[in-house]
Amino acid sequence: MNFDVDYSLALVTDRTLMSTNTLEEAVEQGILGGCTMIQLREKAVSSQEFYRLAQAVREITKRHAVPLIINDRTDIAMAVNAEGVHIGQDDLPVPVVRGLIGRNKLLGVSVTTEAQAVRAEAEGADYLGVGAMFATGTKTDADLVPMEELDRIREAVTIPVVVIGGISRKTAKLFAGSGIAGFAVVSDILMQKDIEGAARELAGLFHAEIKSAPK
């Protein structure tokens, strides 16, 4: 990568949850509140619609100099020149995606175990998304990751670790001292009437409670 990345607060999109009329509004409000990364996640739309949404969101992230990460779809990420791709365990293998996007794009990988984390780093991941940490309505089939496993993952890898799954203003403080690089949040930002305010609270919590805590 040829740019520094702030992983502290990633907004992961879900248009079924947002309080705004458009995704573009939600993304811009999130960024104004302190979101440092946008992860565009669309599982139930056509490729053409996903591309259109990605183009629209890309204009906003470019204007605010915030990285845009595309979930699962390497082709969409390349088509809109996003800063990176985030993949799961059932998507294309990490080395294949790395070969497609090159070294100057971000590659995030979702993991639930230490073994998956170590393999992802060895194969070329830039950062890890660990979770679901808590039960969440956005991914009802997700396996929960115990805090002890998060600790093992953090000890086993050198790349940044971002936690996802039920991360909210209520659960955020539980990660003090964990050494994580950031939160990935869906509903506790998108569902709020004041998206900007919710993002600002979460960003503040990370810097006050997590980043400043001893590891």
N, C-alpha and C. Protein backbone atom coordinates (compact mmCIF):
# COMPACT_ATOMS: atom_id res chain seq x y z
N MET A 1 0.84 -1.20 0.00
CA MET A 1 0.00 0.00 0.00
C MET A 1 0.87 1.25 0.00
N ASN A 2 0.39 2.27 -0.65
CA ASN A 2 1.15 3.52 -0.69
C ASN A 2 0.43 4.64 0.07
N PHE A 3 -0.42 4.26 1.03
CA PHE A 3 -1.11 5.28 1.83
C PHE A 3 -1.34 4.75 3.24
N ASP A 4 -1.41 5.67 4.20
CA ASP A 4 -1.69 5.30 5.58
C ASP A 4 -3.19 5.08 5.75
N VAL A 5 -3.54 4.16 6.62
CA VAL A 5 -4.94 3.83 6.83
C VAL A 5 -5.30 3.97 8.30
N ASP A 6 -6.39 4.64 8.55
CA ASP A 6 -6.95 4.76 9.89
C ASP A 6 -8.12 3.79 9.98
N TYR A 7 -7.95 2.73 10.75
CA TYR A 7 -8.97 1.68 10.85
C TYR A 7 -9.95 1.92 12.00
N SER A 8 -9.83 3.04 12.70
CA SER A 8 -10.52 3.18 13.98
C SER A 8 -12.03 3.02 13.92
N LEU A 9 -12.67 3.50 12.84
CA LEU A 9 -14.13 3.36 12.76
C LEU A 9 -14.57 3.14 11.31
N ALA A 10 -14.87 1.90 11.00
CA ALA A 10 -15.36 1.55 9.67
C ALA A 10 -16.88 1.45 9.70
N LEU A 11 -17.52 2.12 8.75
CA LEU A 11 -18.97 2.00 8.60
C LEU A 11 -19.24 0.94 7.55
N VAL A 12 -19.93 -0.13 7.96
CA VAL A 12 -20.29 -1.21 7.04
C VAL A 12 -21.75 -1.00 6.66
N THR A 13 -22.03 -0.91 5.37
CA THR A 13 -23.36 -0.50 4.94
C THR A 13 -24.36 -1.64 4.91
N ASP A 14 -25.61 -1.27 5.13
CA ASP A 14 -26.76 -2.16 4.99
C ASP A 14 -27.97 -1.28 4.74
N ARG A 15 -28.42 -1.24 3.50
CA ARG A 15 -29.50 -0.30 3.13
C ARG A 15 -30.84 -0.64 3.78
N THR A 16 -30.98 -1.87 4.30
CA THR A 16 -32.24 -2.23 4.95
C THR A 16 -32.35 -1.63 6.35
N LEU A 17 -31.26 -1.10 6.87
CA LEU A 17 -31.25 -0.60 8.24
C LEU A 17 -31.17 0.92 8.34
N MET A 18 -30.75 1.58 7.31
CA MET A 18 -30.40 3.01 7.43
C MET A 18 -31.62 3.89 7.68
N SER A 19 -31.38 4.94 8.45
CA SER A 19 -32.45 5.86 8.80
C SER A 19 -32.64 6.96 7.75
N THR A 20 -31.72 7.07 6.83
CA THR A 20 -31.78 8.10 5.79
C THR A 20 -32.53 7.57 4.57
N ASN A 21 -32.84 8.48 3.65
CA ASN A 21 -33.52 8.08 2.42
C ASN A 21 -32.59 7.42 1.43
N THR A 22 -31.32 7.82 1.44
CA THR A 22 -30.36 7.25 0.49
C THR A 22 -29.10 6.80 1.21
N LEU A 23 -28.42 5.86 0.57
CA LEU A 23 -27.15 5.37 1.11
C LEU A 23 -26.10 6.48 1.11
N GLU A 24 -26.13 7.31 0.08
CA GLU A 24 -25.17 8.39 -0.01
C GLU A 24 -25.27 9.33 1.20
N GLU A 25 -26.50 9.64 1.61
CA GLU A 25 -26.69 10.49 2.79
C GLU A 25 -26.09 9.84 4.03
N ALA A 26 -26.38 8.55 4.21
CA ALA A 26 -25.89 7.83 5.39
C ALA A 26 -24.37 7.81 5.43
N VAL A 27 -23.76 7.55 4.29
CA VAL A 27 -22.29 7.49 4.22
C VAL A 27 -21.68 8.84 4.54
N GLU A 28 -22.23 9.90 3.95
CA GLU A 28 -21.65 11.22 4.19
C GLU A 28 -21.81 11.63 5.66
N GLN A 29 -22.97 11.35 6.24
CA GLN A 29 -23.16 11.69 7.65
C GLN A 29 -22.21 10.89 8.53
N GLY A 30 -22.00 9.63 8.20
CA GLY A 30 -21.07 8.81 8.96
C GLY A 30 -19.65 9.36 8.90
N ILE A 31 -19.23 9.76 7.72
CA ILE A 31 -17.88 10.33 7.56
C ILE A 31 -17.75 11.63 8.34
N LEU A 32 -18.77 12.48 8.27
CA LEU A 32 -18.74 13.75 9.01
C LEU A 32 -18.66 13.51 10.51
N GLY A 33 -19.20 12.37 10.97
CA GLY A 33 -19.14 12.04 12.39
C GLY A 33 -17.85 11.38 12.82
N GLY A 34 -17.01 10.99 11.87
CA GLY A 34 -15.72 10.42 12.24
C GLY A 34 -15.43 9.04 11.70
N CYS A 35 -16.27 8.49 10.83
CA CYS A 35 -15.96 7.20 10.22
C CYS A 35 -14.73 7.35 9.34
N THR A 36 -13.78 6.48 9.51
CA THR A 36 -12.49 6.59 8.80
C THR A 36 -12.38 5.64 7.62
N MET A 37 -13.38 4.81 7.43
CA MET A 37 -13.40 3.85 6.33
C MET A 37 -14.85 3.49 6.04
N ILE A 38 -15.16 3.29 4.76
CA ILE A 38 -16.50 2.85 4.38
C ILE A 38 -16.38 1.50 3.70
N GLN A 39 -17.12 0.52 4.21
CA GLN A 39 -17.15 -0.82 3.60
C GLN A 39 -18.52 -1.02 2.98
N LEU A 40 -18.57 -1.04 1.66
CA LEU A 40 -19.83 -1.17 0.94
C LEU A 40 -20.19 -2.64 0.82
N ARG A 41 -21.29 -3.01 1.48
CA ARG A 41 -21.72 -4.41 1.51
C ARG A 41 -23.12 -4.51 0.91
N GLU A 42 -23.23 -5.17 -0.21
CA GLU A 42 -24.52 -5.34 -0.90
C GLU A 42 -24.62 -6.78 -1.40
N LYS A 43 -25.49 -7.56 -0.79
CA LYS A 43 -25.57 -8.97 -1.14
C LYS A 43 -26.79 -9.32 -1.99
N ALA A 44 -27.77 -8.43 -2.06
CA ALA A 44 -29.02 -8.80 -2.72
C ALA A 44 -29.36 -7.86 -3.87
N VAL A 45 -28.33 -7.41 -4.58
CA VAL A 45 -28.57 -6.55 -5.74
C VAL A 45 -27.83 -7.10 -6.95
N SER A 46 -28.24 -6.65 -8.12
CA SER A 46 -27.57 -7.07 -9.36
C SER A 46 -26.18 -6.43 -9.42
N SER A 47 -25.33 -6.96 -10.27
CA SER A 47 -24.00 -6.39 -10.44
C SER A 47 -24.08 -4.95 -10.92
N GLN A 48 -25.03 -4.68 -11.80
CA GLN A 48 -25.18 -3.32 -12.33
C GLN A 48 -25.57 -2.34 -11.22
N GLU A 49 -26.50 -2.76 -10.36
CA GLU A 49 -26.93 -1.90 -9.26
C GLU A 49 -25.80 -1.70 -8.25
N PHE A 50 -25.07 -2.75 -7.96
CA PHE A 50 -23.94 -2.66 -7.05
C PHE A 50 -22.92 -1.67 -7.61
N TYR A 51 -22.65 -1.77 -8.90
CA TYR A 51 -21.69 -0.86 -9.55
C TYR A 51 -22.17 0.59 -9.45
N ARG A 52 -23.46 0.80 -9.68
CA ARG A 52 -24.01 2.16 -9.61
C ARG A 52 -23.86 2.74 -8.20
N LEU A 53 -24.19 1.92 -7.20
CA LEU A 53 -24.06 2.35 -5.82
C LEU A 53 -22.60 2.64 -5.47
N ALA A 54 -21.73 1.76 -5.92
CA ALA A 54 -20.30 1.93 -5.64
C ALA A 54 -19.77 3.22 -6.25
N GLN A 55 -20.21 3.53 -7.46
CA GLN A 55 -19.80 4.78 -8.10
C GLN A 55 -20.25 6.00 -7.28
N ALA A 56 -21.50 5.96 -6.83
CA ALA A 56 -22.05 7.08 -6.07
C ALA A 56 -21.32 7.26 -4.73
N VAL A 57 -21.11 6.16 -4.04
CA VAL A 57 -20.41 6.22 -2.75
C VAL A 57 -18.96 6.63 -2.94
N ARG A 58 -18.36 6.17 -4.04
CA ARG A 58 -16.96 6.50 -4.33
C ARG A 58 -16.77 8.01 -4.46
N GLU A 59 -17.73 8.69 -5.04
CA GLU A 59 -17.63 10.14 -5.17
C GLU A 59 -17.56 10.81 -3.80
N ILE A 60 -18.34 10.28 -2.86
CA ILE A 60 -18.35 10.86 -1.51
C ILE A 60 -17.05 10.56 -0.77
N THR A 61 -16.60 9.31 -0.83
CA THR A 61 -15.37 8.95 -0.12
C THR A 61 -14.16 9.68 -0.69
N LYS A 62 -14.14 9.88 -1.99
CA LYS A 62 -13.03 10.63 -2.61
C LYS A 62 -13.03 12.07 -2.11
N ARG A 63 -14.20 12.66 -2.03
CA ARG A 63 -14.31 14.05 -1.60
C ARG A 63 -13.79 14.25 -0.18
N HIS A 64 -14.01 13.24 0.65
CA HIS A 64 -13.59 13.33 2.05
C HIS A 64 -12.26 12.61 2.33
N ALA A 65 -11.64 12.06 1.29
CA ALA A 65 -10.36 11.34 1.43
C ALA A 65 -10.45 10.20 2.43
N VAL A 66 -11.53 9.42 2.34
CA VAL A 66 -11.73 8.25 3.19
C VAL A 66 -11.72 7.00 2.30
N PRO A 67 -11.01 5.95 2.70
CA PRO A 67 -10.94 4.75 1.86
C PRO A 67 -12.29 4.06 1.69
N LEU A 68 -12.55 3.61 0.47
CA LEU A 68 -13.74 2.80 0.18
C LEU A 68 -13.30 1.36 -0.03
N ILE A 69 -13.90 0.47 0.74
CA ILE A 69 -13.64 -0.96 0.64
C ILE A 69 -14.90 -1.64 0.14
N ILE A 70 -14.77 -2.49 -0.86
CA ILE A 70 -15.91 -3.20 -1.42
C ILE A 70 -15.96 -4.61 -0.84
N ASN A 71 -17.12 -5.00 -0.34
CA ASN A 71 -17.27 -6.31 0.26
C ASN A 71 -17.44 -7.39 -0.82
N ASP A 72 -16.60 -8.40 -0.77
CA ASP A 72 -16.71 -9.62 -1.60
C ASP A 72 -16.38 -9.43 -3.08
N ARG A 73 -16.81 -8.35 -3.69
CA ARG A 73 -16.77 -8.21 -5.13
C ARG A 73 -15.51 -7.50 -5.62
N THR A 74 -14.50 -8.31 -5.93
CA THR A 74 -13.25 -7.77 -6.45
C THR A 74 -13.48 -7.01 -7.76
N ASP A 75 -14.38 -7.53 -8.60
CA ASP A 75 -14.63 -6.88 -9.89
C ASP A 75 -15.21 -5.48 -9.71
N ILE A 76 -16.13 -5.32 -8.77
CA ILE A 76 -16.72 -4.00 -8.52
C ILE A 76 -15.66 -3.05 -7.98
N ALA A 77 -14.84 -3.54 -7.07
CA ALA A 77 -13.77 -2.71 -6.49
C ALA A 77 -12.84 -2.20 -7.57
N MET A 78 -12.48 -3.06 -8.50
CA MET A 78 -11.58 -2.65 -9.58
C MET A 78 -12.28 -1.70 -10.54
N ALA A 79 -13.57 -1.93 -10.77
CA ALA A 79 -14.32 -1.11 -11.73
C ALA A 79 -14.44 0.34 -11.27
N VAL A 80 -14.55 0.56 -9.96
CA VAL A 80 -14.70 1.94 -9.45
C VAL A 80 -13.40 2.47 -8.85
N ASN A 81 -12.34 1.68 -8.95
CA ASN A 81 -11.03 2.06 -8.40
C ASN A 81 -11.12 2.34 -6.90
N ALA A 82 -11.81 1.45 -6.19
CA ALA A 82 -11.88 1.55 -4.73
C ALA A 82 -10.51 1.30 -4.12
N GLU A 83 -10.36 1.70 -2.87
CA GLU A 83 -9.07 1.50 -2.20
C GLU A 83 -8.81 0.07 -1.80
N GLY A 84 -9.87 -0.77 -1.81
CA GLY A 84 -9.62 -2.15 -1.43
C GLY A 84 -10.85 -3.04 -1.49
N VAL A 85 -10.64 -4.27 -1.06
CA VAL A 85 -11.65 -5.32 -1.06
C VAL A 85 -11.63 -6.01 0.30
N HIS A 86 -12.80 -6.42 0.77
CA HIS A 86 -12.87 -7.23 1.99
C HIS A 86 -13.56 -8.54 1.64
N ILE A 87 -12.91 -9.66 1.97
CA ILE A 87 -13.45 -10.97 1.60
C ILE A 87 -13.64 -11.85 2.82
N GLY A 88 -14.52 -12.85 2.66
CA GLY A 88 -14.78 -13.82 3.71
C GLY A 88 -14.11 -15.14 3.42
N GLN A 89 -14.35 -16.11 4.28
CA GLN A 89 -13.72 -17.41 4.14
C GLN A 89 -14.23 -18.20 2.94
N ASP A 90 -15.42 -17.86 2.45
CA ASP A 90 -15.99 -18.60 1.32
C ASP A 90 -15.83 -17.87 -0.01
N ASP A 91 -15.12 -16.75 -0.01
CA ASP A 91 -14.89 -16.00 -1.25
C ASP A 91 -13.64 -16.51 -1.96
N LEU A 92 -13.23 -15.82 -3.00
CA LEU A 92 -11.99 -16.20 -3.69
C LEU A 92 -10.83 -16.25 -2.70
N PRO A 93 -9.87 -17.15 -2.90
CA PRO A 93 -8.73 -17.24 -1.99
C PRO A 93 -7.94 -15.93 -1.93
N VAL A 94 -7.34 -15.69 -0.78
CA VAL A 94 -6.58 -14.46 -0.57
C VAL A 94 -5.51 -14.25 -1.65
N PRO A 95 -4.68 -15.25 -1.97
CA PRO A 95 -3.65 -15.01 -2.99
C PRO A 95 -4.22 -14.64 -4.36
N VAL A 96 -5.38 -15.19 -4.69
CA VAL A 96 -6.01 -14.87 -5.97
C VAL A 96 -6.46 -13.41 -6.00
N VAL A 97 -7.12 -12.98 -4.93
CA VAL A 97 -7.58 -11.60 -4.86
C VAL A 97 -6.39 -10.64 -4.86
N ARG A 98 -5.36 -10.98 -4.10
CA ARG A 98 -4.17 -10.13 -4.08
C ARG A 98 -3.57 -10.01 -5.48
N GLY A 99 -3.54 -11.11 -6.21
CA GLY A 99 -3.02 -11.08 -7.57
C GLY A 99 -3.84 -10.19 -8.48
N LEU A 100 -5.14 -10.13 -8.25
CA LEU A 100 -6.02 -9.31 -9.08
C LEU A 100 -5.91 -7.82 -8.77
N ILE A 101 -5.84 -7.48 -7.49
CA ILE A 101 -5.88 -6.07 -7.11
C ILE A 101 -4.49 -5.44 -7.01
N GLY A 102 -3.44 -6.25 -6.93
CA GLY A 102 -2.10 -5.72 -6.80
C GLY A 102 -1.72 -5.38 -5.36
N ARG A 103 -0.52 -4.87 -5.19
CA ARG A 103 -0.01 -4.59 -3.85
C ARG A 103 -0.46 -3.25 -3.31
N ASN A 104 -0.95 -2.35 -4.15
CA ASN A 104 -1.27 -1.01 -3.70
C ASN A 104 -2.73 -0.83 -3.30
N LYS A 105 -3.46 -1.93 -3.20
CA LYS A 105 -4.84 -1.89 -2.73
C LYS A 105 -4.95 -2.64 -1.41
N LEU A 106 -5.88 -2.21 -0.57
CA LEU A 106 -6.11 -2.89 0.71
C LEU A 106 -6.85 -4.20 0.51
N LEU A 107 -6.45 -5.19 1.29
CA LEU A 107 -7.15 -6.47 1.28
C LEU A 107 -7.45 -6.87 2.72
N GLY A 108 -8.74 -6.86 3.05
CA GLY A 108 -9.19 -7.28 4.37
C GLY A 108 -9.81 -8.66 4.30
N VAL A 109 -9.65 -9.43 5.36
CA VAL A 109 -10.16 -10.80 5.39
C VAL A 109 -10.90 -11.04 6.71
N SER A 110 -12.11 -11.59 6.61
CA SER A 110 -12.89 -11.95 7.80
C SER A 110 -12.40 -13.27 8.35
N VAL A 111 -12.16 -13.31 9.66
CA VAL A 111 -11.70 -14.54 10.31
C VAL A 111 -12.43 -14.72 11.63
N THR A 112 -12.47 -15.97 12.08
CA THR A 112 -13.06 -16.27 13.39
C THR A 112 -12.11 -17.03 14.30
N THR A 113 -10.99 -17.49 13.75
CA THR A 113 -10.05 -18.29 14.55
C THR A 113 -8.62 -17.82 14.35
N GLU A 114 -7.77 -18.21 15.28
CA GLU A 114 -6.34 -17.89 15.18
C GLU A 114 -5.74 -18.50 13.92
N ALA A 115 -6.11 -19.73 13.61
CA ALA A 115 -5.55 -20.41 12.43
C ALA A 115 -5.90 -19.66 11.14
N GLN A 116 -7.15 -19.23 11.04
CA GLN A 116 -7.56 -18.46 9.86
C GLN A 116 -6.80 -17.14 9.78
N ALA A 117 -6.59 -16.51 10.92
CA ALA A 117 -5.90 -15.22 10.96
C ALA A 117 -4.45 -15.37 10.51
N VAL A 118 -3.77 -16.37 11.02
CA VAL A 118 -2.37 -16.59 10.66
C VAL A 118 -2.25 -16.88 9.17
N ARG A 119 -3.15 -17.69 8.65
CA ARG A 119 -3.11 -18.01 7.21
C ARG A 119 -3.40 -16.77 6.36
N ALA A 120 -4.37 -15.98 6.77
CA ALA A 120 -4.71 -14.78 6.00
C ALA A 120 -3.52 -13.82 5.92
N GLU A 121 -2.85 -13.63 7.05
CA GLU A 121 -1.69 -12.74 7.03
C GLU A 121 -0.59 -13.29 6.14
N ALA A 122 -0.33 -14.58 6.26
CA ALA A 122 0.73 -15.21 5.46
C ALA A 122 0.44 -15.12 3.97
N GLU A 123 -0.84 -15.14 3.61
CA GLU A 123 -1.22 -15.14 2.20
C GLU A 123 -1.36 -13.74 1.61
N GLY A 124 -1.25 -12.71 2.44
CA GLY A 124 -1.24 -11.36 1.88
C GLY A 124 -2.28 -10.39 2.36
N ALA A 125 -3.04 -10.72 3.41
CA ALA A 125 -4.04 -9.78 3.93
C ALA A 125 -3.35 -8.57 4.56
N ASP A 126 -3.97 -7.40 4.43
CA ASP A 126 -3.47 -6.18 5.05
C ASP A 126 -4.06 -5.96 6.43
N TYR A 127 -5.29 -6.44 6.64
CA TYR A 127 -5.94 -6.31 7.94
C TYR A 127 -6.97 -7.42 8.07
N LEU A 128 -7.42 -7.65 9.30
CA LEU A 128 -8.40 -8.70 9.59
C LEU A 128 -9.67 -8.11 10.18
N GLY A 129 -10.80 -8.68 9.78
CA GLY A 129 -12.06 -8.38 10.43
C GLY A 129 -12.43 -9.58 11.29
N VAL A 130 -12.47 -9.41 12.59
CA VAL A 130 -12.70 -10.52 13.52
C VAL A 130 -14.11 -10.42 14.09
N GLY A 131 -14.87 -11.48 13.97
CA GLY A 131 -16.24 -11.48 14.51
C GLY A 131 -17.08 -12.56 13.84
N ALA A 132 -18.31 -12.66 14.28
CA ALA A 132 -19.03 -11.67 15.07
C ALA A 132 -18.66 -11.78 16.56
N MET A 133 -18.42 -10.61 17.16
CA MET A 133 -18.07 -10.59 18.56
C MET A 133 -19.29 -10.78 19.46
N PHE A 134 -20.43 -10.28 19.02
CA PHE A 134 -21.68 -10.40 19.76
C PHE A 134 -22.80 -10.75 18.78
N ALA A 135 -23.90 -11.25 19.31
CA ALA A 135 -25.04 -11.57 18.46
C ALA A 135 -25.51 -10.32 17.74
N THR A 136 -25.83 -10.47 16.47
CA THR A 136 -26.23 -9.32 15.67
C THR A 136 -27.32 -9.71 14.69
N GLY A 137 -28.25 -8.80 14.48
CA GLY A 137 -29.34 -9.06 13.55
C GLY A 137 -28.93 -8.96 12.10
N THR A 138 -27.75 -8.39 11.81
CA THR A 138 -27.33 -8.23 10.43
C THR A 138 -26.70 -9.49 9.86
N LYS A 139 -26.33 -10.42 10.75
CA LYS A 139 -25.74 -11.68 10.27
C LYS A 139 -26.10 -12.77 11.28
N THR A 140 -27.29 -13.28 11.14
CA THR A 140 -27.84 -14.19 12.15
C THR A 140 -27.15 -15.55 12.19
N ASP A 141 -26.44 -15.92 11.12
CA ASP A 141 -25.80 -17.23 11.08
C ASP A 141 -24.33 -17.18 11.48
N ALA A 142 -23.86 -16.03 11.94
CA ALA A 142 -22.45 -15.87 12.25
C ALA A 142 -22.07 -16.58 13.54
N ASP A 143 -20.89 -17.22 13.52
CA ASP A 143 -20.33 -17.81 14.73
C ASP A 143 -19.75 -16.70 15.59
N LEU A 144 -19.98 -16.78 16.89
CA LEU A 144 -19.45 -15.77 17.78
C LEU A 144 -18.00 -16.09 18.15
N VAL A 145 -17.21 -15.03 18.23
CA VAL A 145 -15.79 -15.17 18.58
C VAL A 145 -15.60 -14.77 20.04
N PRO A 146 -15.13 -15.68 20.90
CA PRO A 146 -14.90 -15.32 22.30
C PRO A 146 -13.77 -14.30 22.43
N MET A 147 -13.81 -13.51 23.47
CA MET A 147 -12.74 -12.54 23.71
C MET A 147 -11.37 -13.22 23.80
N GLU A 148 -11.36 -14.44 24.34
CA GLU A 148 -10.10 -15.17 24.47
C GLU A 148 -9.50 -15.48 23.10
N GLU A 149 -10.37 -15.80 22.13
CA GLU A 149 -9.89 -16.07 20.78
C GLU A 149 -9.40 -14.79 20.13
N LEU A 150 -10.08 -13.67 20.38
CA LEU A 150 -9.61 -12.39 19.87
C LEU A 150 -8.21 -12.10 20.40
N ASP A 151 -7.98 -12.36 21.67
CA ASP A 151 -6.65 -12.15 22.26
C ASP A 151 -5.61 -13.02 21.56
N ARG A 152 -5.96 -14.27 21.29
CA ARG A 152 -5.02 -15.18 20.61
C ARG A 152 -4.71 -14.67 19.20
N ILE A 153 -5.72 -14.20 18.52
CA ILE A 153 -5.52 -13.67 17.17
C ILE A 153 -4.59 -12.46 17.20
N ARG A 154 -4.85 -11.56 18.14
CA ARG A 154 -4.01 -10.36 18.26
C ARG A 154 -2.56 -10.72 18.53
N GLU A 155 -2.33 -11.74 19.33
CA GLU A 155 -0.96 -12.16 19.65
C GLU A 155 -0.28 -12.84 18.47
N ALA A 156 -1.09 -13.46 17.61
CA ALA A 156 -0.53 -14.30 16.54
C ALA A 156 -0.20 -13.55 15.26
N VAL A 157 -0.75 -12.34 15.09
CA VAL A 157 -0.54 -11.60 13.83
C VAL A 157 0.06 -10.23 14.10
N THR A 158 0.61 -9.65 13.04
CA THR A 158 1.21 -8.32 13.15
C THR A 158 0.38 -7.27 12.41
N ILE A 159 -0.60 -7.70 11.61
CA ILE A 159 -1.43 -6.76 10.86
C ILE A 159 -2.60 -6.27 11.73
N PRO A 160 -3.21 -5.13 11.38
CA PRO A 160 -4.30 -4.58 12.19
C PRO A 160 -5.51 -5.52 12.28
N VAL A 161 -6.14 -5.49 13.44
CA VAL A 161 -7.34 -6.28 13.70
C VAL A 161 -8.50 -5.34 13.99
N VAL A 162 -9.59 -5.51 13.24
CA VAL A 162 -10.81 -4.72 13.43
C VAL A 162 -11.91 -5.68 13.87
N VAL A 163 -12.67 -5.30 14.89
CA VAL A 163 -13.74 -6.18 15.38
C VAL A 163 -15.08 -5.76 14.79
N ILE A 164 -15.94 -6.75 14.57
CA ILE A 164 -17.25 -6.51 13.98
C ILE A 164 -18.27 -7.45 14.62
N GLY A 165 -19.53 -7.06 14.53
CA GLY A 165 -20.59 -7.93 15.04
C GLY A 165 -21.11 -7.48 16.39
N GLY A 166 -22.17 -6.69 16.39
CA GLY A 166 -22.74 -6.22 17.65
C GLY A 166 -21.92 -5.14 18.32
N ILE A 167 -21.05 -4.48 17.56
CA ILE A 167 -20.25 -3.39 18.14
C ILE A 167 -21.14 -2.15 18.25
N SER A 168 -21.24 -1.62 19.47
CA SER A 168 -22.11 -0.48 19.72
C SER A 168 -21.49 0.39 20.80
N ARG A 169 -22.17 1.49 21.09
CA ARG A 169 -21.69 2.36 22.15
C ARG A 169 -21.75 1.66 23.51
N LYS A 170 -22.58 0.63 23.63
CA LYS A 170 -22.67 -0.13 24.88
C LYS A 170 -21.55 -1.17 25.00
N THR A 171 -21.19 -1.80 23.88
CA THR A 171 -20.19 -2.88 23.94
C THR A 171 -18.77 -2.41 23.69
N ALA A 172 -18.61 -1.20 23.15
CA ALA A 172 -17.29 -0.73 22.73
C ALA A 172 -16.25 -0.76 23.85
N LYS A 173 -16.66 -0.37 25.05
CA LYS A 173 -15.70 -0.28 26.15
C LYS A 173 -15.11 -1.63 26.55
N LEU A 174 -15.77 -2.72 26.17
CA LEU A 174 -15.28 -4.04 26.52
C LEU A 174 -13.95 -4.37 25.84
N PHE A 175 -13.57 -3.56 24.85
CA PHE A 175 -12.34 -3.84 24.10
C PHE A 175 -11.15 -3.04 24.60
N ALA A 176 -11.32 -2.33 25.70
CA ALA A 176 -10.19 -1.59 26.28
C ALA A 176 -9.06 -2.56 26.59
N GLY A 177 -7.87 -2.23 26.15
CA GLY A 177 -6.71 -3.08 26.41
C GLY A 177 -6.55 -4.24 25.46
N SER A 178 -7.44 -4.35 24.48
CA SER A 178 -7.39 -5.50 23.57
C SER A 178 -6.38 -5.34 22.44
N GLY A 179 -5.94 -4.13 22.21
CA GLY A 179 -4.96 -3.90 21.15
C GLY A 179 -5.54 -3.89 19.75
N ILE A 180 -6.86 -3.79 19.64
CA ILE A 180 -7.46 -3.77 18.31
C ILE A 180 -7.19 -2.43 17.62
N ALA A 181 -7.32 -2.44 16.28
CA ALA A 181 -7.07 -1.23 15.50
C ALA A 181 -8.33 -0.43 15.26
N GLY A 182 -9.50 -1.07 15.48
CA GLY A 182 -10.72 -0.32 15.24
C GLY A 182 -11.98 -1.14 15.34
N PHE A 183 -13.10 -0.44 15.17
CA PHE A 183 -14.44 -1.03 15.16
C PHE A 183 -15.01 -1.00 13.75
N ALA A 184 -15.73 -2.05 13.38
CA ALA A 184 -16.55 -2.04 12.17
C ALA A 184 -18.00 -2.11 12.65
N VAL A 185 -18.79 -1.10 12.27
CA VAL A 185 -20.11 -0.94 12.86
C VAL A 185 -21.16 -0.82 11.76
N VAL A 186 -22.31 -1.46 12.00
CA VAL A 186 -23.43 -1.37 11.07
C VAL A 186 -24.58 -0.62 11.75
N SER A 187 -25.37 -1.34 12.53
CA SER A 187 -26.64 -0.79 13.02
C SER A 187 -26.50 0.35 14.01
N ASP A 188 -25.46 0.35 14.86
CA ASP A 188 -25.37 1.41 15.86
C ASP A 188 -24.97 2.75 15.25
N ILE A 189 -24.71 2.74 13.96
CA ILE A 189 -24.57 4.01 13.23
C ILE A 189 -25.74 4.19 12.28
N LEU A 190 -25.95 3.23 11.39
CA LEU A 190 -26.93 3.39 10.32
C LEU A 190 -28.37 3.55 10.80
N MET A 191 -28.74 2.86 11.87
CA MET A 191 -30.13 2.87 12.33
C MET A 191 -30.48 4.11 13.16
N GLN A 192 -29.48 4.87 13.53
CA GLN A 192 -29.73 6.01 14.42
C GLN A 192 -30.29 7.20 13.64
N LYS A 193 -31.18 7.92 14.26
CA LYS A 193 -31.72 9.12 13.62
C LYS A 193 -30.61 10.14 13.38
N ASP A 194 -29.69 10.21 14.31
CA ASP A 194 -28.54 11.10 14.18
C ASP A 194 -27.30 10.26 13.86
N ILE A 195 -27.12 9.94 12.60
CA ILE A 195 -26.00 9.09 12.19
C ILE A 195 -24.67 9.77 12.51
N GLU A 196 -24.59 11.04 12.21
CA GLU A 196 -23.34 11.76 12.47
C GLU A 196 -22.99 11.75 13.95
N GLY A 197 -24.00 11.97 14.80
CA GLY A 197 -23.76 11.97 16.23
C GLY A 197 -23.36 10.62 16.77
N ALA A 198 -24.00 9.56 16.27
CA ALA A 198 -23.66 8.20 16.71
C ALA A 198 -22.23 7.85 16.32
N ALA A 199 -21.85 8.21 15.11
CA ALA A 199 -20.48 7.95 14.66
C ALA A 199 -19.48 8.73 15.51
N ARG A 200 -19.83 9.96 15.83
CA ARG A 200 -18.92 10.79 16.65
C ARG A 200 -18.73 10.17 18.04
N GLU A 201 -19.79 9.64 18.61
CA GLU A 201 -19.69 8.99 19.93
C GLU A 201 -18.78 7.77 19.86
N LEU A 202 -18.98 6.94 18.83
CA LEU A 202 -18.17 5.73 18.70
C LEU A 202 -16.70 6.06 18.45
N ALA A 203 -16.46 7.06 17.61
CA ALA A 203 -15.09 7.48 17.34
C ALA A 203 -14.43 7.98 18.62
N GLY A 204 -15.18 8.75 19.39
CA GLY A 204 -14.67 9.26 20.64
C GLY A 204 -14.37 8.15 21.63
N LEU A 205 -15.26 7.16 21.69
CA LEU A 205 -15.04 6.02 22.58
C LEU A 205 -13.78 5.26 22.21
N PHE A 206 -13.57 5.07 20.91
CA PHE A 206 -12.38 4.33 20.49
C PHE A 206 -11.12 5.06 20.94
N HIS A 207 -11.06 6.34 20.69
CA HIS A 207 -9.84 7.08 21.00
C HIS A 207 -9.64 7.27 22.51
N ALA A 208 -10.75 7.39 23.26
CA ALA A 208 -10.65 7.61 24.70
C ALA A 208 -10.46 6.32 25.48
N GLU A 209 -11.16 5.25 25.07
CA GLU A 209 -11.20 4.02 25.86
C GLU A 209 -10.30 2.91 25.31
N ILE A 210 -10.11 2.88 24.00
CA ILE A 210 -9.43 1.75 23.39
C ILE A 210 -8.00 2.10 22.97
N LYS A 211 -7.88 3.14 22.17
CA LYS A 211 -6.56 3.51 21.66
C LYS A 211 -5.64 3.93 22.77
N SER A 212 -6.18 4.59 23.80
CA SER A 212 -5.35 5.10 24.89
C SER A 212 -5.08 4.07 25.98
N ALA A 213 -5.80 2.92 25.91
CA ALA A 213 -5.65 1.91 26.96
C ALA A 213 -4.38 1.10 26.74
N PRO A 214 -3.70 0.67 27.82
CA PRO A 214 -2.51 -0.16 27.67
C PRO A 214 -2.86 -1.52 27.08
N LYS A 215 -1.97 -2.03 26.23
CA LYS A 215 -2.22 -3.32 25.57
C LYS A 215 -1.65 -4.45 26.40
